[in-house]
Amino acid sequence: MRNTAPLPTVMHLTTLRSAACLVLALVLLAGCQSTVATPSDPGHKIAPEVTMALSQLSAGRTLDPDRARSDAGGRLEVYIYVTGTSAAVIQSLTAAGLKDPTPNPPSLVQGWIAPADIGALASDPDVIRIALPRYAIHH
């Protein structure tokens, strides 16, 4: 006669392993659904290069035109990565202080922002990231 006593132990280990895998999958799923793309702190949406350029503008210093550009009104040229480029999003960005918005669908808007308005722009829920444009450098 065959002994089947170890079988429940093997099934028990398999059940525990399956349960552990299920818990791990749920934890990973919860982590993937976090708001990494749109952090709750608007400051995390602003690239460090933008912060540095705005500080230079606020201090009255000129910018290196190969890295950042400003207009006669003291505004910085920026790229705003957004959730979409609908008319409502553009209107919201304009209300936050963006001047001369130029949408580049599906998720980029180019424009000019004053140092005093960067916080309002970053707080807009449609804004994912604010960065400097990449300019061509002629050698």
N, C-alpha and C. Protein backbone atom coordinates (compact mmCIF):
# COMPACT_ATOMS: atom_id res chain seq x y z
N MET A 1 0.83 -1.17 0.00
CA MET A 1 0.00 0.00 0.00
C MET A 1 0.89 1.25 0.00
N ARG A 2 0.45 2.26 -0.71
CA ARG A 2 1.23 3.47 -0.91
C ARG A 2 0.94 4.49 0.19
N ASN A 3 1.99 5.17 0.66
CA ASN A 3 1.83 6.17 1.70
C ASN A 3 1.61 7.54 1.04
N THR A 4 0.48 8.18 1.36
CA THR A 4 0.17 9.49 0.77
C THR A 4 0.26 10.60 1.80
N ALA A 5 0.86 10.35 2.93
CA ALA A 5 0.96 11.36 3.98
C ALA A 5 1.72 12.61 3.53
N PRO A 6 2.83 12.53 2.78
CA PRO A 6 3.55 13.74 2.40
C PRO A 6 2.76 14.64 1.43
N LEU A 7 1.79 14.11 0.74
CA LEU A 7 1.05 14.87 -0.25
C LEU A 7 0.40 16.12 0.33
N PRO A 8 -0.29 16.09 1.47
CA PRO A 8 -0.86 17.32 2.01
C PRO A 8 0.21 18.36 2.34
N THR A 9 1.40 17.91 2.77
CA THR A 9 2.48 18.84 3.07
C THR A 9 2.93 19.55 1.79
N VAL A 10 3.09 18.81 0.70
CA VAL A 10 3.48 19.39 -0.58
C VAL A 10 2.41 20.37 -1.04
N MET A 11 1.16 20.00 -0.91
CA MET A 11 0.07 20.90 -1.31
C MET A 11 0.07 22.13 -0.42
N HIS A 12 0.40 21.95 0.86
CA HIS A 12 0.43 23.08 1.77
C HIS A 12 1.53 24.08 1.37
N LEU A 13 2.72 23.57 1.00
CA LEU A 13 3.80 24.44 0.55
C LEU A 13 3.43 25.14 -0.75
N THR A 14 2.79 24.44 -1.64
CA THR A 14 2.35 25.03 -2.90
C THR A 14 1.32 26.12 -2.63
N THR A 15 0.43 25.89 -1.70
CA THR A 15 -0.59 26.88 -1.35
C THR A 15 0.07 28.12 -0.74
N LEU A 16 1.04 27.92 0.13
CA LEU A 16 1.74 29.05 0.72
C LEU A 16 2.51 29.84 -0.33
N ARG A 17 3.16 29.13 -1.23
CA ARG A 17 3.91 29.79 -2.31
C ARG A 17 2.96 30.59 -3.20
N SER A 18 1.82 30.01 -3.52
CA SER A 18 0.83 30.72 -4.35
C SER A 18 0.32 31.96 -3.63
N ALA A 19 0.06 31.84 -2.34
CA ALA A 19 -0.42 32.98 -1.57
C ALA A 19 0.64 34.08 -1.52
N ALA A 20 1.90 33.69 -1.33
CA ALA A 20 2.98 34.68 -1.31
C ALA A 20 3.11 35.38 -2.66
N CYS A 21 2.98 34.63 -3.73
CA CYS A 21 3.04 35.23 -5.08
C CYS A 21 1.88 36.19 -5.30
N LEU A 22 0.72 35.84 -4.82
CA LEU A 22 -0.45 36.70 -4.96
C LEU A 22 -0.26 37.99 -4.18
N VAL A 23 0.25 37.91 -2.97
CA VAL A 23 0.51 39.10 -2.16
C VAL A 23 1.54 39.98 -2.85
N LEU A 24 2.61 39.38 -3.35
CA LEU A 24 3.64 40.14 -4.05
C LEU A 24 3.07 40.84 -5.28
N ALA A 25 2.25 40.14 -6.03
CA ALA A 25 1.63 40.74 -7.22
C ALA A 25 0.74 41.92 -6.84
N LEU A 26 -0.01 41.80 -5.76
CA LEU A 26 -0.87 42.91 -5.32
C LEU A 26 -0.05 44.11 -4.86
N VAL A 27 1.05 43.87 -4.17
CA VAL A 27 1.92 44.96 -3.75
C VAL A 27 2.53 45.66 -4.96
N LEU A 28 2.99 44.89 -5.93
CA LEU A 28 3.56 45.49 -7.15
C LEU A 28 2.51 46.26 -7.92
N LEU A 29 1.32 45.73 -8.00
CA LEU A 29 0.23 46.42 -8.69
C LEU A 29 -0.08 47.74 -8.01
N ALA A 30 -0.13 47.75 -6.70
CA ALA A 30 -0.39 48.99 -5.97
C ALA A 30 0.71 50.00 -6.22
N GLY A 31 1.96 49.54 -6.28
CA GLY A 31 3.08 50.44 -6.55
C GLY A 31 3.03 51.02 -7.95
N CYS A 32 2.60 50.24 -8.92
CA CYS A 32 2.52 50.70 -10.30
C CYS A 32 1.41 51.73 -10.50
N GLN A 33 0.44 51.74 -9.62
CA GLN A 33 -0.66 52.68 -9.74
C GLN A 33 -0.41 53.96 -8.97
N SER A 34 0.81 54.17 -8.49
CA SER A 34 1.13 55.39 -7.76
C SER A 34 1.15 56.56 -8.73
N THR A 35 1.29 57.76 -8.21
CA THR A 35 1.25 58.97 -9.03
C THR A 35 2.65 59.48 -9.34
N VAL A 36 3.49 58.60 -9.83
CA VAL A 36 4.86 58.99 -10.14
C VAL A 36 4.90 60.07 -11.21
N ALA A 37 4.05 59.98 -12.22
CA ALA A 37 4.08 60.95 -13.32
C ALA A 37 3.60 62.33 -12.88
N THR A 38 2.74 62.39 -11.90
CA THR A 38 2.23 63.66 -11.43
C THR A 38 2.33 63.70 -9.91
N PRO A 39 3.50 64.00 -9.38
CA PRO A 39 3.68 63.99 -7.95
C PRO A 39 2.84 65.06 -7.27
N SER A 40 2.52 64.83 -5.99
CA SER A 40 1.66 65.76 -5.26
C SER A 40 2.37 67.08 -4.98
N ASP A 41 3.69 67.07 -4.86
CA ASP A 41 4.46 68.28 -4.63
C ASP A 41 4.80 68.90 -5.99
N PRO A 42 4.22 70.07 -6.30
CA PRO A 42 4.47 70.67 -7.61
C PRO A 42 5.94 70.93 -7.90
N GLY A 43 6.76 71.13 -6.87
CA GLY A 43 8.18 71.37 -7.07
C GLY A 43 8.90 70.24 -7.76
N HIS A 44 8.40 69.02 -7.61
CA HIS A 44 9.02 67.87 -8.26
C HIS A 44 8.76 67.86 -9.77
N LYS A 45 7.83 68.66 -10.22
CA LYS A 45 7.53 68.73 -11.65
C LYS A 45 8.52 69.63 -12.39
N ILE A 46 9.24 70.45 -11.66
CA ILE A 46 10.12 71.45 -12.26
C ILE A 46 11.54 70.89 -12.34
N ALA A 47 12.09 70.80 -13.55
CA ALA A 47 13.45 70.31 -13.74
C ALA A 47 14.43 71.25 -13.04
N PRO A 48 15.52 70.70 -12.47
CA PRO A 48 16.51 71.55 -11.79
C PRO A 48 17.08 72.65 -12.69
N GLU A 49 17.21 72.37 -13.97
CA GLU A 49 17.74 73.38 -14.90
C GLU A 49 16.80 74.59 -15.00
N VAL A 50 15.50 74.32 -14.92
CA VAL A 50 14.51 75.40 -14.96
C VAL A 50 14.64 76.26 -13.70
N THR A 51 14.74 75.61 -12.56
CA THR A 51 14.88 76.33 -11.28
C THR A 51 16.13 77.20 -11.30
N MET A 52 17.24 76.67 -11.81
CA MET A 52 18.49 77.43 -11.87
C MET A 52 18.35 78.63 -12.80
N ALA A 53 17.75 78.42 -13.96
CA ALA A 53 17.59 79.52 -14.92
C ALA A 53 16.67 80.60 -14.37
N LEU A 54 15.59 80.19 -13.70
CA LEU A 54 14.68 81.18 -13.11
C LEU A 54 15.37 81.96 -11.99
N SER A 55 16.23 81.31 -11.24
CA SER A 55 16.99 82.00 -10.19
C SER A 55 17.91 83.05 -10.80
N GLN A 56 18.56 82.69 -11.91
CA GLN A 56 19.44 83.64 -12.60
C GLN A 56 18.64 84.83 -13.11
N LEU A 57 17.46 84.57 -13.69
CA LEU A 57 16.62 85.66 -14.18
C LEU A 57 16.19 86.57 -13.04
N SER A 58 15.77 85.96 -11.93
CA SER A 58 15.32 86.75 -10.78
C SER A 58 16.45 87.61 -10.21
N ALA A 59 17.68 87.13 -10.31
CA ALA A 59 18.84 87.87 -9.81
C ALA A 59 19.35 88.91 -10.82
N GLY A 60 18.72 88.96 -12.00
CA GLY A 60 19.11 89.93 -13.01
C GLY A 60 20.31 89.52 -13.84
N ARG A 61 20.70 88.25 -13.76
CA ARG A 61 21.83 87.77 -14.55
C ARG A 61 21.35 87.28 -15.91
N THR A 62 22.24 87.35 -16.89
CA THR A 62 21.90 86.86 -18.22
C THR A 62 22.07 85.34 -18.27
N LEU A 63 21.34 84.73 -19.18
CA LEU A 63 21.38 83.28 -19.34
C LEU A 63 22.30 82.89 -20.48
N ASP A 64 22.87 81.72 -20.39
CA ASP A 64 23.66 81.16 -21.49
C ASP A 64 22.64 80.76 -22.57
N PRO A 65 22.66 81.43 -23.74
CA PRO A 65 21.64 81.17 -24.76
C PRO A 65 21.68 79.77 -25.35
N ASP A 66 22.77 79.04 -25.12
CA ASP A 66 22.82 77.65 -25.58
C ASP A 66 22.05 76.72 -24.64
N ARG A 67 21.75 77.20 -23.44
CA ARG A 67 21.08 76.36 -22.44
C ARG A 67 19.66 76.83 -22.11
N ALA A 68 19.45 78.13 -22.06
CA ALA A 68 18.14 78.67 -21.68
C ALA A 68 17.98 80.04 -22.33
N ARG A 69 16.72 80.38 -22.63
CA ARG A 69 16.46 81.67 -23.27
C ARG A 69 15.34 82.39 -22.55
N SER A 70 15.49 83.72 -22.51
CA SER A 70 14.45 84.55 -21.91
C SER A 70 14.05 85.62 -22.91
N ASP A 71 12.86 86.19 -22.68
CA ASP A 71 12.39 87.25 -23.57
C ASP A 71 12.59 88.61 -22.88
N ALA A 72 12.17 89.67 -23.56
CA ALA A 72 12.34 91.03 -23.03
C ALA A 72 11.54 91.25 -21.75
N GLY A 73 10.51 90.44 -21.53
CA GLY A 73 9.69 90.57 -20.32
C GLY A 73 10.23 89.79 -19.14
N GLY A 74 11.40 89.17 -19.29
CA GLY A 74 11.99 88.41 -18.19
C GLY A 74 11.40 87.02 -18.00
N ARG A 75 10.71 86.54 -19.04
CA ARG A 75 10.13 85.19 -18.97
C ARG A 75 11.09 84.18 -19.57
N LEU A 76 11.03 82.95 -19.05
CA LEU A 76 11.88 81.85 -19.49
C LEU A 76 11.13 80.98 -20.48
N GLU A 77 11.81 80.57 -21.55
CA GLU A 77 11.20 79.64 -22.49
C GLU A 77 11.26 78.24 -21.90
N VAL A 78 10.10 77.55 -21.88
CA VAL A 78 10.03 76.22 -21.27
C VAL A 78 9.22 75.27 -22.13
N TYR A 79 9.46 74.00 -21.93
CA TYR A 79 8.63 72.92 -22.45
C TYR A 79 7.80 72.42 -21.28
N ILE A 80 6.50 72.31 -21.48
CA ILE A 80 5.61 71.77 -20.46
C ILE A 80 5.05 70.47 -20.99
N TYR A 81 5.39 69.38 -20.32
CA TYR A 81 4.84 68.07 -20.67
C TYR A 81 3.52 67.94 -19.94
N VAL A 82 2.46 67.69 -20.69
CA VAL A 82 1.11 67.72 -20.16
C VAL A 82 0.36 66.43 -20.48
N THR A 83 -0.81 66.30 -19.86
CA THR A 83 -1.65 65.12 -20.09
C THR A 83 -2.31 65.14 -21.46
N GLY A 84 -2.38 66.30 -22.09
CA GLY A 84 -2.98 66.44 -23.41
C GLY A 84 -2.88 67.90 -23.84
N THR A 85 -3.17 68.17 -25.10
CA THR A 85 -3.05 69.53 -25.60
C THR A 85 -4.40 70.09 -26.07
N SER A 86 -5.45 69.72 -25.37
CA SER A 86 -6.77 70.22 -25.72
C SER A 86 -6.86 71.72 -25.44
N ALA A 87 -7.89 72.35 -25.97
CA ALA A 87 -8.09 73.79 -25.75
C ALA A 87 -8.25 74.09 -24.26
N ALA A 88 -8.89 73.19 -23.51
CA ALA A 88 -9.08 73.40 -22.07
C ALA A 88 -7.74 73.37 -21.33
N VAL A 89 -6.86 72.47 -21.73
CA VAL A 89 -5.53 72.40 -21.10
C VAL A 89 -4.74 73.67 -21.41
N ILE A 90 -4.75 74.10 -22.66
CA ILE A 90 -4.02 75.32 -23.05
C ILE A 90 -4.57 76.52 -22.30
N GLN A 91 -5.87 76.60 -22.15
CA GLN A 91 -6.49 77.71 -21.41
C GLN A 91 -6.06 77.68 -19.94
N SER A 92 -5.99 76.50 -19.37
CA SER A 92 -5.56 76.35 -17.98
C SER A 92 -4.11 76.79 -17.80
N LEU A 93 -3.24 76.41 -18.74
CA LEU A 93 -1.84 76.82 -18.68
C LEU A 93 -1.70 78.33 -18.81
N THR A 94 -2.48 78.92 -19.70
CA THR A 94 -2.47 80.37 -19.88
C THR A 94 -2.94 81.08 -18.62
N ALA A 95 -3.96 80.53 -17.98
CA ALA A 95 -4.47 81.12 -16.73
C ALA A 95 -3.41 81.04 -15.62
N ALA A 96 -2.51 80.05 -15.70
CA ALA A 96 -1.45 79.90 -14.71
C ALA A 96 -0.24 80.79 -15.01
N GLY A 97 -0.29 81.52 -16.11
CA GLY A 97 0.78 82.47 -16.42
C GLY A 97 1.61 82.17 -17.65
N LEU A 98 1.33 81.08 -18.35
CA LEU A 98 2.11 80.75 -19.55
C LEU A 98 1.75 81.73 -20.67
N LYS A 99 2.77 82.29 -21.31
CA LYS A 99 2.57 83.22 -22.43
C LYS A 99 2.94 82.53 -23.73
N ASP A 100 2.22 82.87 -24.78
CA ASP A 100 2.47 82.36 -26.14
C ASP A 100 2.57 80.84 -26.19
N PRO A 101 1.56 80.13 -25.66
CA PRO A 101 1.64 78.66 -25.68
C PRO A 101 1.57 78.13 -27.11
N THR A 102 2.46 77.20 -27.40
CA THR A 102 2.47 76.53 -28.70
C THR A 102 2.35 75.04 -28.45
N PRO A 103 1.14 74.47 -28.68
CA PRO A 103 0.97 73.04 -28.44
C PRO A 103 1.65 72.19 -29.52
N ASN A 104 2.27 71.13 -29.08
CA ASN A 104 2.87 70.13 -29.95
C ASN A 104 2.29 68.78 -29.53
N PRO A 105 1.11 68.43 -30.11
CA PRO A 105 0.44 67.20 -29.69
C PRO A 105 1.35 65.98 -29.80
N PRO A 106 1.17 64.99 -28.97
CA PRO A 106 0.03 64.85 -28.08
C PRO A 106 0.26 65.37 -26.66
N SER A 107 1.51 65.67 -26.25
CA SER A 107 1.69 65.95 -24.82
C SER A 107 2.75 67.01 -24.50
N LEU A 108 2.98 67.94 -25.39
CA LEU A 108 3.99 68.96 -25.15
C LEU A 108 3.45 70.33 -25.52
N VAL A 109 3.74 71.32 -24.67
CA VAL A 109 3.40 72.71 -24.95
C VAL A 109 4.65 73.53 -24.70
N GLN A 110 4.99 74.37 -25.66
CA GLN A 110 6.12 75.27 -25.53
C GLN A 110 5.58 76.65 -25.21
N GLY A 111 6.25 77.38 -24.32
CA GLY A 111 5.79 78.72 -23.98
C GLY A 111 6.79 79.44 -23.11
N TRP A 112 6.37 80.60 -22.59
CA TRP A 112 7.23 81.47 -21.80
C TRP A 112 6.58 81.68 -20.45
N ILE A 113 7.38 81.56 -19.37
CA ILE A 113 6.83 81.69 -18.02
C ILE A 113 7.70 82.65 -17.20
N ALA A 114 7.05 83.52 -16.43
CA ALA A 114 7.75 84.43 -15.54
C ALA A 114 8.15 83.67 -14.27
N PRO A 115 9.26 84.06 -13.64
CA PRO A 115 9.66 83.39 -12.41
C PRO A 115 8.56 83.35 -11.35
N ALA A 116 7.78 84.40 -11.25
CA ALA A 116 6.72 84.46 -10.24
C ALA A 116 5.56 83.50 -10.52
N ASP A 117 5.44 83.03 -11.77
CA ASP A 117 4.30 82.18 -12.15
C ASP A 117 4.63 80.69 -12.21
N ILE A 118 5.88 80.32 -11.97
CA ILE A 118 6.26 78.91 -12.13
C ILE A 118 5.51 78.01 -11.15
N GLY A 119 5.26 78.48 -9.93
CA GLY A 119 4.54 77.67 -8.94
C GLY A 119 3.12 77.37 -9.37
N ALA A 120 2.44 78.37 -9.90
CA ALA A 120 1.06 78.17 -10.37
C ALA A 120 1.03 77.20 -11.54
N LEU A 121 2.01 77.34 -12.43
CA LEU A 121 2.07 76.43 -13.58
C LEU A 121 2.31 75.00 -13.12
N ALA A 122 3.25 74.81 -12.21
CA ALA A 122 3.56 73.46 -11.71
C ALA A 122 2.39 72.86 -10.94
N SER A 123 1.56 73.69 -10.34
CA SER A 123 0.41 73.19 -9.57
C SER A 123 -0.74 72.73 -10.45
N ASP A 124 -0.71 73.09 -11.71
CA ASP A 124 -1.79 72.68 -12.62
C ASP A 124 -1.81 71.15 -12.71
N PRO A 125 -2.98 70.54 -12.50
CA PRO A 125 -3.04 69.07 -12.52
C PRO A 125 -2.72 68.44 -13.87
N ASP A 126 -2.80 69.20 -14.94
CA ASP A 126 -2.48 68.66 -16.27
C ASP A 126 -0.98 68.68 -16.56
N VAL A 127 -0.21 69.39 -15.75
CA VAL A 127 1.24 69.49 -15.95
C VAL A 127 1.92 68.27 -15.35
N ILE A 128 2.73 67.61 -16.17
CA ILE A 128 3.51 66.45 -15.72
C ILE A 128 4.94 66.88 -15.39
N ARG A 129 5.54 67.71 -16.26
CA ARG A 129 6.95 68.10 -16.09
C ARG A 129 7.19 69.41 -16.81
N ILE A 130 8.04 70.25 -16.22
CA ILE A 130 8.45 71.51 -16.83
C ILE A 130 9.96 71.43 -17.03
N ALA A 131 10.39 71.60 -18.28
CA ALA A 131 11.82 71.46 -18.60
C ALA A 131 12.23 72.56 -19.56
N LEU A 132 13.53 72.67 -19.78
CA LEU A 132 14.05 73.60 -20.77
C LEU A 132 14.07 72.94 -22.14
N PRO A 133 13.85 73.71 -23.19
CA PRO A 133 14.00 73.16 -24.54
C PRO A 133 15.47 72.78 -24.79
N ARG A 134 15.69 71.88 -25.70
CA ARG A 134 17.05 71.52 -26.13
C ARG A 134 17.31 72.28 -27.42
N TYR A 135 18.27 73.19 -27.36
CA TYR A 135 18.58 74.02 -28.51
C TYR A 135 19.71 73.41 -29.33
N ALA A 136 19.62 73.62 -30.62
CA ALA A 136 20.71 73.18 -31.50
C ALA A 136 21.91 74.08 -31.24
N ILE A 137 23.07 73.49 -31.19
CA ILE A 137 24.30 74.25 -30.97
C ILE A 137 25.11 74.19 -32.26
N HIS A 138 25.40 75.36 -32.81
CA HIS A 138 26.16 75.46 -34.06
C HIS A 138 27.65 75.54 -33.73
N HIS A 139 28.43 74.73 -34.39
CA HIS A 139 29.88 74.73 -34.15
C HIS A 139 30.59 75.42 -35.28
